[in-house]
PDB file of N, CA and C in Angstrom:
ATOM      1  N   UNK A   1     165.158  53.922 128.970  1.00  0.00           N
ATOM      2  CA  UNK A   1     163.745  54.180 128.804  1.00  0.00           C
ATOM      3  C   UNK A   1     163.455  54.342 127.323  1.00  0.00           C
ATOM      4  N   UNK A   2     162.274  53.986 126.945  1.00  0.00           N
ATOM      5  CA  UNK A   2     161.874  54.155 125.556  1.00  0.00           C
ATOM      6  C   UNK A   2     160.897  55.320 125.483  1.00  0.00           C
ATOM      7  N   UNK A   3     161.316  56.356 124.797  1.00  0.00           N
ATOM      8  CA  UNK A   3     160.465  57.509 124.539  1.00  0.00           C
ATOM      9  C   UNK A   3     160.018  57.455 123.088  1.00  0.00           C
ATOM     10  N   UNK A   4     159.934  58.606 122.466  1.00  0.00           N
ATOM     11  CA  UNK A   4     159.542  58.679 121.066  1.00  0.00           C
ATOM     12  C   UNK A   4     159.775  60.091 120.574  1.00  0.00           C
ATOM     13  N   UNK A   5     159.964  60.219 119.275  1.00  0.00           N
ATOM     14  CA  UNK A   5     160.034  61.560 118.706  1.00  0.00           C
ATOM     15  C   UNK A   5     158.704  62.277 118.907  1.00  0.00           C
ATOM     16  N   UNK A   6     157.627  61.522 119.108  1.00  0.00           N
ATOM     17  CA  UNK A   6     156.308  62.118 119.315  1.00  0.00           C
ATOM     18  C   UNK A   6     156.257  62.977 120.574  1.00  0.00           C
ATOM     19  N   UNK A   7     157.174  62.757 121.508  1.00  0.00           N
ATOM     20  CA  UNK A   7     157.200  63.547 122.732  1.00  0.00           C
ATOM     21  C   UNK A   7     157.866  64.898 122.573  1.00  0.00           C
ATOM     22  N   UNK A   8     158.450  65.155 121.407  1.00  0.00           N
ATOM     23  CA  UNK A   8     159.169  66.411 121.198  1.00  0.00           C
ATOM     24  C   UNK A   8     158.275  67.571 120.773  1.00  0.00           C
ATOM     25  N   UNK A   9     157.154  67.258 120.163  1.00  0.00           N
ATOM     26  CA  UNK A   9     156.268  68.322 119.678  1.00  0.00           C
ATOM     27  C   UNK A   9     154.856  67.772 119.608  1.00  0.00           C
ATOM     28  N   UNK A  10     153.899  68.496 120.143  1.00  0.00           N
ATOM     29  CA  UNK A  10     152.510  68.039 120.123  1.00  0.00           C
ATOM     30  C   UNK A  10     151.952  68.013 118.718  1.00  0.00           C
ATOM     31  N   UNK A  11     151.214  66.977 118.402  1.00  0.00           N
ATOM     32  CA  UNK A  11     150.663  66.805 117.062  1.00  0.00           C
ATOM     33  C   UNK A  11     149.224  66.335 117.147  1.00  0.00           C
ATOM     34  N   UNK A  12     148.372  66.886 116.295  1.00  0.00           N
ATOM     35  CA  UNK A  12     146.958  66.473 116.327  1.00  0.00           C
ATOM     36  C   UNK A  12     146.792  65.006 115.961  1.00  0.00           C
ATOM     37  N   UNK A  13     147.746  64.448 115.216  1.00  0.00           N
ATOM     38  CA  UNK A  13     147.626  63.051 114.786  1.00  0.00           C
ATOM     39  C   UNK A  13     147.838  62.066 115.926  1.00  0.00           C
ATOM     40  N   UNK A  14     148.606  62.460 116.945  1.00  0.00           N
ATOM     41  CA  UNK A  14     148.899  61.497 118.019  1.00  0.00           C
ATOM     42  C   UNK A  14     149.182  62.218 119.337  1.00  0.00           C
ATOM     43  N   UNK A  15     148.338  63.175 119.685  1.00  0.00           N
ATOM     44  CA  UNK A  15     148.621  64.016 120.853  1.00  0.00           C
ATOM     45  C   UNK A  15     148.614  63.253 122.175  1.00  0.00           C
ATOM     46  N   UNK A  16     147.812  62.211 122.316  1.00  0.00           N
ATOM     47  CA  UNK A  16     147.809  61.445 123.569  1.00  0.00           C
ATOM     48  C   UNK A  16     149.111  60.646 123.677  1.00  0.00           C
ATOM     49  N   UNK A  17     149.489  59.982 122.613  1.00  0.00           N
ATOM     50  CA  UNK A  17     150.756  59.246 122.593  1.00  0.00           C
ATOM     51  C   UNK A  17     151.911  60.214 122.833  1.00  0.00           C
ATOM     52  N   UNK A  18     151.894  61.353 122.150  1.00  0.00           N
ATOM     53  CA  UNK A  18     152.954  62.343 122.311  1.00  0.00           C
ATOM     54  C   UNK A  18     153.043  62.871 123.735  1.00  0.00           C
ATOM     55  N   UNK A  19     151.897  63.087 124.364  1.00  0.00           N
ATOM     56  CA  UNK A  19     151.892  63.581 125.751  1.00  0.00           C
ATOM     57  C   UNK A  19     152.500  62.553 126.698  1.00  0.00           C
ATOM     58  N   UNK A  20     152.182  61.282 126.480  1.00  0.00           N
ATOM     59  CA  UNK A  20     152.757  60.247 127.347  1.00  0.00           C
ATOM     60  C   UNK A  20     154.264  60.154 127.151  1.00  0.00           C
ATOM     61  N   UNK A  21     154.731  60.342 125.931  1.00  0.00           N
ATOM     62  CA  UNK A  21     156.167  60.290 125.664  1.00  0.00           C
ATOM     63  C   UNK A  21     156.869  61.544 126.182  1.00  0.00           C
ATOM     64  N   UNK A  22     156.198  62.675 126.163  1.00  0.00           N
ATOM     65  CA  UNK A  22     156.770  63.896 126.739  1.00  0.00           C
ATOM     66  C   UNK A  22     156.952  63.721 128.247  1.00  0.00           C
ATOM     67  N   UNK A  23     156.023  63.040 128.891  1.00  0.00           N
ATOM     68  CA  UNK A  23     156.159  62.748 130.315  1.00  0.00           C
ATOM     69  C   UNK A  23     157.415  61.910 130.565  1.00  0.00           C
ATOM     70  N   UNK A  24     157.661  60.927 129.712  1.00  0.00           N
ATOM     71  CA  UNK A  24     158.861  60.107 129.858  1.00  0.00           C
ATOM     72  C   UNK A  24     160.110  60.960 129.701  1.00  0.00           C
ATOM     73  N   UNK A  25     160.074  61.927 128.773  1.00  0.00           N
ATOM     74  CA  UNK A  25     161.214  62.845 128.601  1.00  0.00           C
ATOM     75  C   UNK A  25     161.525  63.578 129.902  1.00  0.00           C
ATOM     76  N   UNK A  26     160.490  64.186 130.507  1.00  0.00           N
ATOM     77  CA  UNK A  26     160.719  64.952 131.733  1.00  0.00           C
ATOM     78  C   UNK A  26     161.138  64.048 132.883  1.00  0.00           C
ATOM     79  N   UNK A  27     160.531  62.863 132.958  1.00  0.00           N
ATOM     80  CA  UNK A  27     160.878  61.908 134.007  1.00  0.00           C
ATOM     81  C   UNK A  27     162.349  61.502 133.904  1.00  0.00           C
ATOM     82  N   UNK A  28     162.787  61.157 132.705  1.00  0.00           N
ATOM     83  CA  UNK A  28     164.183  60.750 132.536  1.00  0.00           C
ATOM     84  C   UNK A  28     165.123  61.922 132.780  1.00  0.00           C
ATOM     85  N   UNK A  29     164.714  63.123 132.416  1.00  0.00           N
ATOM     86  CA  UNK A  29     165.524  64.309 132.692  1.00  0.00           C
ATOM     87  C   UNK A  29     165.704  64.497 134.199  1.00  0.00           C
ATOM     88  N   UNK A  30     164.633  64.321 134.939  1.00  0.00           N
ATOM     89  CA  UNK A  30     164.708  64.426 136.393  1.00  0.00           C
ATOM     90  C   UNK A  30     165.593  63.350 137.001  1.00  0.00           C
ATOM     91  N   UNK A  31     165.489  62.125 136.467  1.00  0.00           N
ATOM     92  CA  UNK A  31     166.348  61.048 136.958  1.00  0.00           C
ATOM     93  C   UNK A  31     167.819  61.322 136.658  1.00  0.00           C
ATOM     94  N   UNK A  32     168.110  61.860 135.462  1.00  0.00           N
ATOM     95  CA  UNK A  32     169.501  62.211 135.150  1.00  0.00           C
ATOM     96  C   UNK A  32     170.024  63.246 136.133  1.00  0.00           C
ATOM     97  N   UNK A  33     169.171  64.209 136.494  1.00  0.00           N
ATOM     98  CA  UNK A  33     169.557  65.229 137.464  1.00  0.00           C
ATOM     99  C   UNK A  33     169.770  64.593 138.835  1.00  0.00           C
ATOM    100  N   UNK A  34     168.857  63.708 139.234  1.00  0.00           N
ATOM    101  CA  UNK A  34     168.945  63.039 140.523  1.00  0.00           C
ATOM    102  C   UNK A  34     170.247  62.240 140.656  1.00  0.00           C
ATOM    103  N   UNK A  35     170.627  61.540 139.591  1.00  0.00           N
ATOM    104  CA  UNK A  35     171.793  60.659 139.642  1.00  0.00           C
ATOM    105  C   UNK A  35     173.060  61.292 139.078  1.00  0.00           C
ATOM    106  N   UNK A  36     173.043  62.593 138.829  1.00  0.00           N
ATOM    107  CA  UNK A  36     174.237  63.274 138.314  1.00  0.00           C
ATOM    108  C   UNK A  36     175.401  63.054 139.278  1.00  0.00           C
ATOM    109  N   UNK A  37     176.547  62.728 138.720  1.00  0.00           N
ATOM    110  CA  UNK A  37     177.732  62.499 139.542  1.00  0.00           C
ATOM    111  C   UNK A  37     177.868  61.082 140.047  1.00  0.00           C
ATOM    112  N   UNK A  38     176.874  60.239 139.789  1.00  0.00           N
ATOM    113  CA  UNK A  38     176.952  58.835 140.222  1.00  0.00           C
ATOM    114  C   UNK A  38     177.291  57.964 139.008  1.00  0.00           C
ATOM    115  N   UNK A  39     177.355  56.682 139.232  1.00  0.00           N
ATOM    116  CA  UNK A  39     177.621  55.734 138.150  1.00  0.00           C
ATOM    117  C   UNK A  39     176.352  55.333 137.392  1.00  0.00           C
ATOM    118  N   UNK A  40     175.198  55.820 137.827  1.00  0.00           N
ATOM    119  CA  UNK A  40     173.928  55.482 137.183  1.00  0.00           C
ATOM    120  C   UNK A  40     173.771  56.342 135.929  1.00  0.00           C
ATOM    121  N   UNK A  41     173.458  55.687 134.815  1.00  0.00           N
ATOM    122  CA  UNK A  41     173.240  56.401 133.559  1.00  0.00           C
ATOM    123  C   UNK A  41     171.790  56.224 133.129  1.00  0.00           C
ATOM    124  N   UNK A  42     171.148  57.331 132.856  1.00  0.00           N
ATOM    125  CA  UNK A  42     169.763  57.309 132.378  1.00  0.00           C
ATOM    126  C   UNK A  42     169.810  57.600 130.880  1.00  0.00           C
ATOM    127  N   UNK A  43     169.308  56.667 130.095  1.00  0.00           N
ATOM    128  CA  UNK A  43     169.319  56.789 128.639  1.00  0.00           C
ATOM    129  C   UNK A  43     167.884  56.737 128.151  1.00  0.00           C
ATOM    130  N   UNK A  44     167.499  57.689 127.314  1.00  0.00           N
ATOM    131  CA  UNK A  44     166.172  57.640 126.697  1.00  0.00           C
ATOM    132  C   UNK A  44     166.364  57.421 125.201  1.00  0.00           C
ATOM    133  N   UNK A  45     165.680  56.428 124.696  1.00  0.00           N
ATOM    134  CA  UNK A  45     165.716  56.080 123.278  1.00  0.00           C
ATOM    135  C   UNK A  45     164.481  56.698 122.639  1.00  0.00           C
ATOM    136  N   UNK A  46     164.690  57.486 121.570  1.00  0.00           N
ATOM    137  CA  UNK A  46     163.582  58.144 120.879  1.00  0.00           C
ATOM    138  C   UNK A  46     163.540  57.671 119.431  1.00  0.00           C
ATOM    139  N   UNK A  47     162.856  56.555 119.202  1.00  0.00           N
ATOM    140  CA  UNK A  47     162.777  56.079 117.824  1.00  0.00           C
ATOM    141  C   UNK A  47     161.780  56.882 117.009  1.00  0.00           C
ATOM    142  N   UNK A  48     162.109  57.024 115.735  1.00  0.00           N
ATOM    143  CA  UNK A  48     161.154  57.553 114.775  1.00  0.00           C
ATOM    144  C   UNK A  48     160.260  56.406 114.325  1.00  0.00           C
ATOM    145  N   UNK A  49     159.454  56.620 113.298  1.00  0.00           N
ATOM    146  CA  UNK A  49     158.580  55.550 112.815  1.00  0.00           C
ATOM    147  C   UNK A  49     159.383  54.292 112.479  1.00  0.00           C
ATOM    148  N   UNK A  50     159.035  53.221 113.138  1.00  0.00           N
ATOM    149  CA  UNK A  50     159.770  51.959 113.035  1.00  0.00           C
ATOM    150  C   UNK A  50     158.825  50.879 112.529  1.00  0.00           C
ATOM    151  N   UNK A  51     159.345  49.963 111.758  1.00  0.00           N
ATOM    152  CA  UNK A  51     158.539  48.919 111.122  1.00  0.00           C
ATOM    153  C   UNK A  51     158.048  47.902 112.147  1.00  0.00           C
ATOM    154  N   UNK A  52     157.041  48.310 112.918  1.00  0.00           N
ATOM    155  CA  UNK A  52     156.405  47.460 113.922  1.00  0.00           C
ATOM    156  C   UNK A  52     154.903  47.440 113.639  1.00  0.00           C
ATOM    157  N   UNK A  53     154.155  46.547 114.286  1.00  0.00           N
ATOM    158  CA  UNK A  53     152.707  46.535 114.073  1.00  0.00           C
ATOM    159  C   UNK A  53     152.045  47.885 114.375  1.00  0.00           C
ATOM    160  N   UNK A  54     152.571  48.646 115.358  1.00  0.00           N
ATOM    161  CA  UNK A  54     151.973  49.942 115.689  1.00  0.00           C
ATOM    162  C   UNK A  54     152.042  50.907 114.509  1.00  0.00           C
ATOM    163  N   UNK A  55     153.075  50.776 113.687  1.00  0.00           N
ATOM    164  CA  UNK A  55     153.262  51.695 112.561  1.00  0.00           C
ATOM    165  C   UNK A  55     152.678  51.163 111.256  1.00  0.00           C
ATOM    166  N   UNK A  56     151.948  50.062 111.312  1.00  0.00           N
ATOM    167  CA  UNK A  56     151.414  49.476 110.077  1.00  0.00           C
ATOM    168  C   UNK A  56     150.534  50.445 109.273  1.00  0.00           C
ATOM    169  N   UNK A  57     149.748  51.340 109.911  1.00  0.00           N
ATOM    170  CA  UNK A  57     148.992  52.298 109.095  1.00  0.00           C
ATOM    171  C   UNK A  57     149.909  53.214 108.271  1.00  0.00           C
ATOM    172  N   UNK A  58     151.051  53.580 108.845  1.00  0.00           N
ATOM    173  CA  UNK A  58     151.993  54.425 108.117  1.00  0.00           C
ATOM    174  C   UNK A  58     152.626  53.656 106.961  1.00  0.00           C
ATOM    175  N   UNK A  59     152.916  52.392 107.208  1.00  0.00           N
ATOM    176  CA  UNK A  59     153.491  51.557 106.155  1.00  0.00           C
ATOM    177  C   UNK A  59     152.501  51.428 105.002  1.00  0.00           C
ATOM    178  N   UNK A  60     151.221  51.278 105.322  1.00  0.00           N
ATOM    179  CA  UNK A  60     150.186  51.170 104.297  1.00  0.00           C
ATOM    180  C   UNK A  60     150.081  52.455 103.465  1.00  0.00           C
ATOM    181  N   UNK A  61     150.451  53.587 104.060  1.00  0.00           N
ATOM    182  CA  UNK A  61     150.430  54.864 103.345  1.00  0.00           C
ATOM    183  C   UNK A  61     151.715  55.115 102.558  1.00  0.00           C
ATOM    184  N   UNK A  62     152.650  54.159 102.627  1.00  0.00           N
ATOM    185  CA  UNK A  62     153.882  54.287 101.870  1.00  0.00           C
ATOM    186  C   UNK A  62     155.032  54.961 102.594  1.00  0.00           C
ATOM    187  N   UNK A  63     154.890  55.183 103.893  1.00  0.00           N
ATOM    188  CA  UNK A  63     155.981  55.792 104.659  1.00  0.00           C
ATOM    189  C   UNK A  63     157.202  54.882 104.646  1.00  0.00           C
ATOM    190  N   UNK A  64     158.357  55.488 104.706  1.00  0.00           N
ATOM    191  CA  UNK A  64     159.611  54.740 104.846  1.00  0.00           C
ATOM    192  C   UNK A  64     159.869  54.557 106.339  1.00  0.00           C
ATOM    193  N   UNK A  65     159.782  53.333 106.808  1.00  0.00           N
ATOM    194  CA  UNK A  65     159.942  53.034 108.227  1.00  0.00           C
ATOM    195  C   UNK A  65     161.327  52.449 108.491  1.00  0.00           C
ATOM    196  N   UNK A  66     161.855  52.750 109.664  1.00  0.00           N
ATOM    197  CA  UNK A  66     163.157  52.226 110.052  1.00  0.00           C
ATOM    198  C   UNK A  66     163.034  50.739 110.375  1.00  0.00           C
ATOM    199  N   UNK A  67     164.009  49.954 109.946  1.00  0.00           N
ATOM    200  CA  UNK A  67     163.997  48.524 110.318  1.00  0.00           C
ATOM    201  C   UNK A  67     164.181  48.368 111.833  1.00  0.00           C
ATOM    202  N   UNK A  68     163.459  47.444 112.411  1.00  0.00           N
ATOM    203  CA  UNK A  68     163.536  47.178 113.848  1.00  0.00           C
ATOM    204  C   UNK A  68     164.976  46.891 114.269  1.00  0.00           C
ATOM    205  N   UNK A  69     165.693  46.120 113.453  1.00  0.00           N
ATOM    206  CA  UNK A  69     167.071  45.740 113.785  1.00  0.00           C
ATOM    207  C   UNK A  69     167.972  46.976 113.893  1.00  0.00           C
ATOM    208  N   UNK A  70     167.788  47.951 113.010  1.00  0.00           N
ATOM    209  CA  UNK A  70     168.596  49.173 113.045  1.00  0.00           C
ATOM    210  C   UNK A  70     168.340  49.961 114.328  1.00  0.00           C
ATOM    211  N   UNK A  71     167.075  50.087 114.696  1.00  0.00           N
ATOM    212  CA  UNK A  71     166.717  50.813 115.917  1.00  0.00           C
ATOM    213  C   UNK A  71     167.240  50.058 117.141  1.00  0.00           C
ATOM    214  N   UNK A  72     167.091  48.747 117.156  1.00  0.00           N
ATOM    215  CA  UNK A  72     167.570  47.947 118.293  1.00  0.00           C
ATOM    216  C   UNK A  72     169.085  48.063 118.443  1.00  0.00           C
ATOM    217  N   UNK A  73     169.802  47.975 117.340  1.00  0.00           N
ATOM    218  CA  UNK A  73     171.264  48.095 117.393  1.00  0.00           C
ATOM    219  C   UNK A  73     171.654  49.483 117.917  1.00  0.00           C
ATOM    220  N   UNK A  74     170.997  50.524 117.427  1.00  0.00           N
ATOM    221  CA  UNK A  74     171.282  51.881 117.899  1.00  0.00           C
ATOM    222  C   UNK A  74     170.975  52.049 119.375  1.00  0.00           C
ATOM    223  N   UNK A  75     169.919  51.406 119.849  1.00  0.00           N
ATOM    224  CA  UNK A  75     169.554  51.498 121.265  1.00  0.00           C
ATOM    225  C   UNK A  75     170.616  50.838 122.138  1.00  0.00           C
ATOM    226  N   UNK A  76     171.064  49.674 121.737  1.00  0.00           N
ATOM    227  CA  UNK A  76     172.111  48.979 122.501  1.00  0.00           C
ATOM    228  C   UNK A  76     173.381  49.823 122.525  1.00  0.00           C
ATOM    229  N   UNK A  77     173.742  50.391 121.391  1.00  0.00           N
ATOM    230  CA  UNK A  77     174.941  51.228 121.306  1.00  0.00           C
ATOM    231  C   UNK A  77     174.807  52.474 122.195  1.00  0.00           C
ATOM    232  N   UNK A  78     173.634  53.105 122.194  1.00  0.00           N
ATOM    233  CA  UNK A  78     173.408  54.295 123.028  1.00  0.00           C
ATOM    234  C   UNK A  78     173.515  53.938 124.510  1.00  0.00           C
ATOM    235  N   UNK A  79     172.978  52.792 124.890  1.00  0.00           N
ATOM    236  CA  UNK A  79     173.079  52.367 126.286  1.00  0.00           C
ATOM    237  C   UNK A  79     174.522  52.056 126.656  1.00  0.00           C
ATOM    238  N   UNK A  80     175.260  51.424 125.748  1.00  0.00           N
ATOM    239  CA  UNK A  80     176.664  51.112 126.001  1.00  0.00           C
ATOM    240  C   UNK A  80     177.473  52.387 126.223  1.00  0.00           C
ATOM    241  N   UNK A  81     177.196  53.415 125.414  1.00  0.00           N
ATOM    242  CA  UNK A  81     177.922  54.683 125.534  1.00  0.00           C
ATOM    243  C   UNK A  81     177.386  55.565 126.650  1.00  0.00           C
ATOM    244  N   UNK A  82     176.163  55.327 127.087  1.00  0.00           N
ATOM    245  CA  UNK A  82     175.550  56.175 128.109  1.00  0.00           C
ATOM    246  C   UNK A  82     175.026  57.482 127.542  1.00  0.00           C
ATOM    247  N   UNK A  83     174.674  57.479 126.271  1.00  0.00           N
ATOM    248  CA  UNK A  83     174.126  58.666 125.611  1.00  0.00           C
ATOM    249  C   UNK A  83     172.826  59.068 126.309  1.00  0.00           C
ATOM    250  N   UNK A  84     172.712  60.310 126.791  1.00  0.00           N
ATOM    251  CA  UNK A  84     171.493  60.687 127.511  1.00  0.00           C
ATOM    252  C   UNK A  84     170.223  60.583 126.670  1.00  0.00           C
ATOM    253  N   UNK A  85     170.272  61.049 125.418  1.00  0.00           N
ATOM    254  CA  UNK A  85     169.113  61.002 124.524  1.00  0.00           C
ATOM    255  C   UNK A  85     169.595  60.494 123.172  1.00  0.00           C
ATOM    256  N   UNK A  86     168.976  59.431 122.683  1.00  0.00           N
ATOM    257  CA  UNK A  86     169.370  58.851 121.401  1.00  0.00           C
ATOM    258  C   UNK A  86     168.175  58.819 120.455  1.00  0.00           C
ATOM    259  N   UNK A  87     168.245  59.609 119.400  1.00  0.00           N
ATOM    260  CA  UNK A  87     167.243  59.563 118.331  1.00  0.00           C
ATOM    261  C   UNK A  87     167.664  58.461 117.366  1.00  0.00           C
ATOM    262  N   UNK A  88     166.705  57.593 117.033  1.00  0.00           N
ATOM    263  CA  UNK A  88     167.018  56.466 116.158  1.00  0.00           C
ATOM    264  C   UNK A  88     165.958  56.325 115.073  1.00  0.00           C
ATOM    265  N   UNK A  89     166.374  56.106 113.851  1.00  0.00           N
ATOM    266  CA  UNK A  89     167.699  56.326 113.319  1.00  0.00           C
ATOM    267  C   UNK A  89     168.166  57.763 113.575  1.00  0.00           C
ATOM    268  N   UNK A  90     169.459  57.960 113.518  1.00  0.00           N
ATOM    269  CA  UNK A  90     170.051  59.230 113.931  1.00  0.00           C
ATOM    270  C   UNK A  90     169.540  60.433 113.146  1.00  0.00           C
ATOM    271  N   UNK A  91     169.048  60.235 111.929  1.00  0.00           N
ATOM    272  CA  UNK A  91     168.539  61.369 111.137  1.00  0.00           C
ATOM    273  C   UNK A  91     167.404  62.100 111.856  1.00  0.00           C
ATOM    274  N   UNK A  92     166.695  61.398 112.752  1.00  0.00           N
ATOM    275  CA  UNK A  92     165.578  62.010 113.453  1.00  0.00           C
ATOM    276  C   UNK A  92     166.029  63.105 114.413  1.00  0.00           C
ATOM    277  N   UNK A  93     167.254  63.067 114.841  1.00  0.00           N
ATOM    278  CA  UNK A  93     167.768  64.137 115.698  1.00  0.00           C
ATOM    279  C   UNK A  93     167.689  65.478 114.964  1.00  0.00           C
ATOM    280  N   UNK A  94     168.069  65.474 113.703  1.00  0.00           N
ATOM    281  CA  UNK A  94     168.071  66.698 112.910  1.00  0.00           C
ATOM    282  C   UNK A  94     166.665  67.074 112.444  1.00  0.00           C
ATOM    283  N   UNK A  95     165.875  66.070 112.103  1.00  0.00           N
ATOM    284  CA  UNK A  95     164.486  66.334 111.702  1.00  0.00           C
ATOM    285  C   UNK A  95     163.734  66.977 112.860  1.00  0.00           C
ATOM    286  N   UNK A  96     163.900  66.443 114.070  1.00  0.00           N
ATOM    287  CA  UNK A  96     163.175  66.984 115.219  1.00  0.00           C
ATOM    288  C   UNK A  96     163.746  68.326 115.670  1.00  0.00           C
ATOM    289  N   UNK A  97     165.014  68.563 115.418  1.00  0.00           N
ATOM    290  CA  UNK A  97     165.587  69.879 115.697  1.00  0.00           C
ATOM    291  C   UNK A  97     164.839  70.942 114.885  1.00  0.00           C
ATOM    292  N   UNK A  98     164.586  70.649 113.636  1.00  0.00           N
ATOM    293  CA  UNK A  98     163.840  71.568 112.773  1.00  0.00           C
ATOM    294  C   UNK A  98     162.385  71.656 113.218  1.00  0.00           C
ATOM    295  N   UNK A  99     161.760  70.505 113.488  1.00  0.00           N
ATOM    296  CA  UNK A  99     160.345  70.500 113.888  1.00  0.00           C
ATOM    297  C   UNK A  99     160.117  71.300 115.168  1.00  0.00           C
ATOM    298  N   UNK A 100     161.031  71.167 116.136  1.00  0.00           N
ATOM    299  CA  UNK A 100     160.881  71.918 117.390  1.00  0.00           C
ATOM    300  C   UNK A 100     161.090  73.415 117.172  1.00  0.00           C
ATOM    301  N   UNK A 101     161.883  73.770 116.170  1.00  0.00           N
ATOM    302  CA  UNK A 101     162.187  75.183 115.921  1.00  0.00           C
ATOM    303  C   UNK A 101     161.102  75.886 115.107  1.00  0.00           C
ATOM    304  N   UNK A 102     160.233  75.120 114.450  1.00  0.00           N
ATOM    305  CA  UNK A 102     159.197  75.747 113.632  1.00  0.00           C
ATOM    306  C   UNK A 102     158.213  76.518 114.501  1.00  0.00           C
ATOM    307  N   UNK A 103     157.865  77.728 114.087  1.00  0.00           N
ATOM    308  CA  UNK A 103     156.807  78.441 114.815  1.00  0.00           C
ATOM    309  C   UNK A 103     155.469  77.722 114.619  1.00  0.00           C
ATOM    310  N   UNK A 104     154.577  77.886 115.575  1.00  0.00           N
ATOM    311  CA  UNK A 104     153.284  77.188 115.531  1.00  0.00           C
ATOM    312  C   UNK A 104     152.535  77.399 114.227  1.00  0.00           C
ATOM    313  N   UNK A 105     152.540  78.625 113.690  1.00  0.00           N
ATOM    314  CA  UNK A 105     151.749  78.871 112.488  1.00  0.00           C
ATOM    315  C   UNK A 105     152.246  78.039 111.299  1.00  0.00           C
ATOM    316  N   UNK A 106     153.523  77.679 111.269  1.00  0.00           N
ATOM    317  CA  UNK A 106     154.040  76.789 110.219  1.00  0.00           C
ATOM    318  C   UNK A 106     153.815  75.319 110.570  1.00  0.00           C
ATOM    319  N   UNK A 107     154.107  74.962 111.805  1.00  0.00           N
ATOM    320  CA  UNK A 107     153.941  73.569 112.237  1.00  0.00           C
ATOM    321  C   UNK A 107     152.492  73.124 112.084  1.00  0.00           C
ATOM    322  N   UNK A 108     151.551  74.004 112.411  1.00  0.00           N
ATOM    323  CA  UNK A 108     150.127  73.651 112.384  1.00  0.00           C
ATOM    324  C   UNK A 108     149.568  73.470 110.982  1.00  0.00           C
ATOM    325  N   UNK A 109     150.319  73.838 109.972  1.00  0.00           N
ATOM    326  CA  UNK A 109     149.879  73.630 108.591  1.00  0.00           C
ATOM    327  C   UNK A 109     150.065  72.189 108.134  1.00  0.00           C
ATOM    328  N   UNK A 110     150.810  71.419 108.883  1.00  0.00           N
ATOM    329  CA  UNK A 110     151.131  70.046 108.500  1.00  0.00           C
ATOM    330  C   UNK A 110     150.232  69.055 109.208  1.00  0.00           C
ATOM    331  N   UNK A 111     150.129  67.873 108.635  1.00  0.00           N
ATOM    332  CA  UNK A 111     149.305  66.792 109.203  1.00  0.00           C
ATOM    333  C   UNK A 111     150.167  65.720 109.857  1.00  0.00           C
ATOM    334  N   UNK A 112     151.051  66.123 110.727  1.00  0.00           N
ATOM    335  CA  UNK A 112     151.939  65.157 111.389  1.00  0.00           C
ATOM    336  C   UNK A 112     151.156  64.320 112.360  1.00  0.00           C
TER     337      UNK A 112
END
């Protein structure tokens, strides 16, 4: 399944997109629970900002976007290994760990 880092924390910049991706997170979590102990592997790919047409406004603002090829390669590798949750590029795992840990009064000061 394709999720997004946007599903990890609600943001005023993309709260509808983030809510839909959070739903995918819970759905895949439930499927992993349902198929626990079987040969079925549920993998959710959570890409950060990637150089696609959807991210073109970010590119115009000078954001550093992940190359599509890097994210695609990481997704294939995560599926091959059966990684339950794969943040791509991998640095987003640590970035989102911090973002999820921030108290609301700090998180809300940013324009994510």
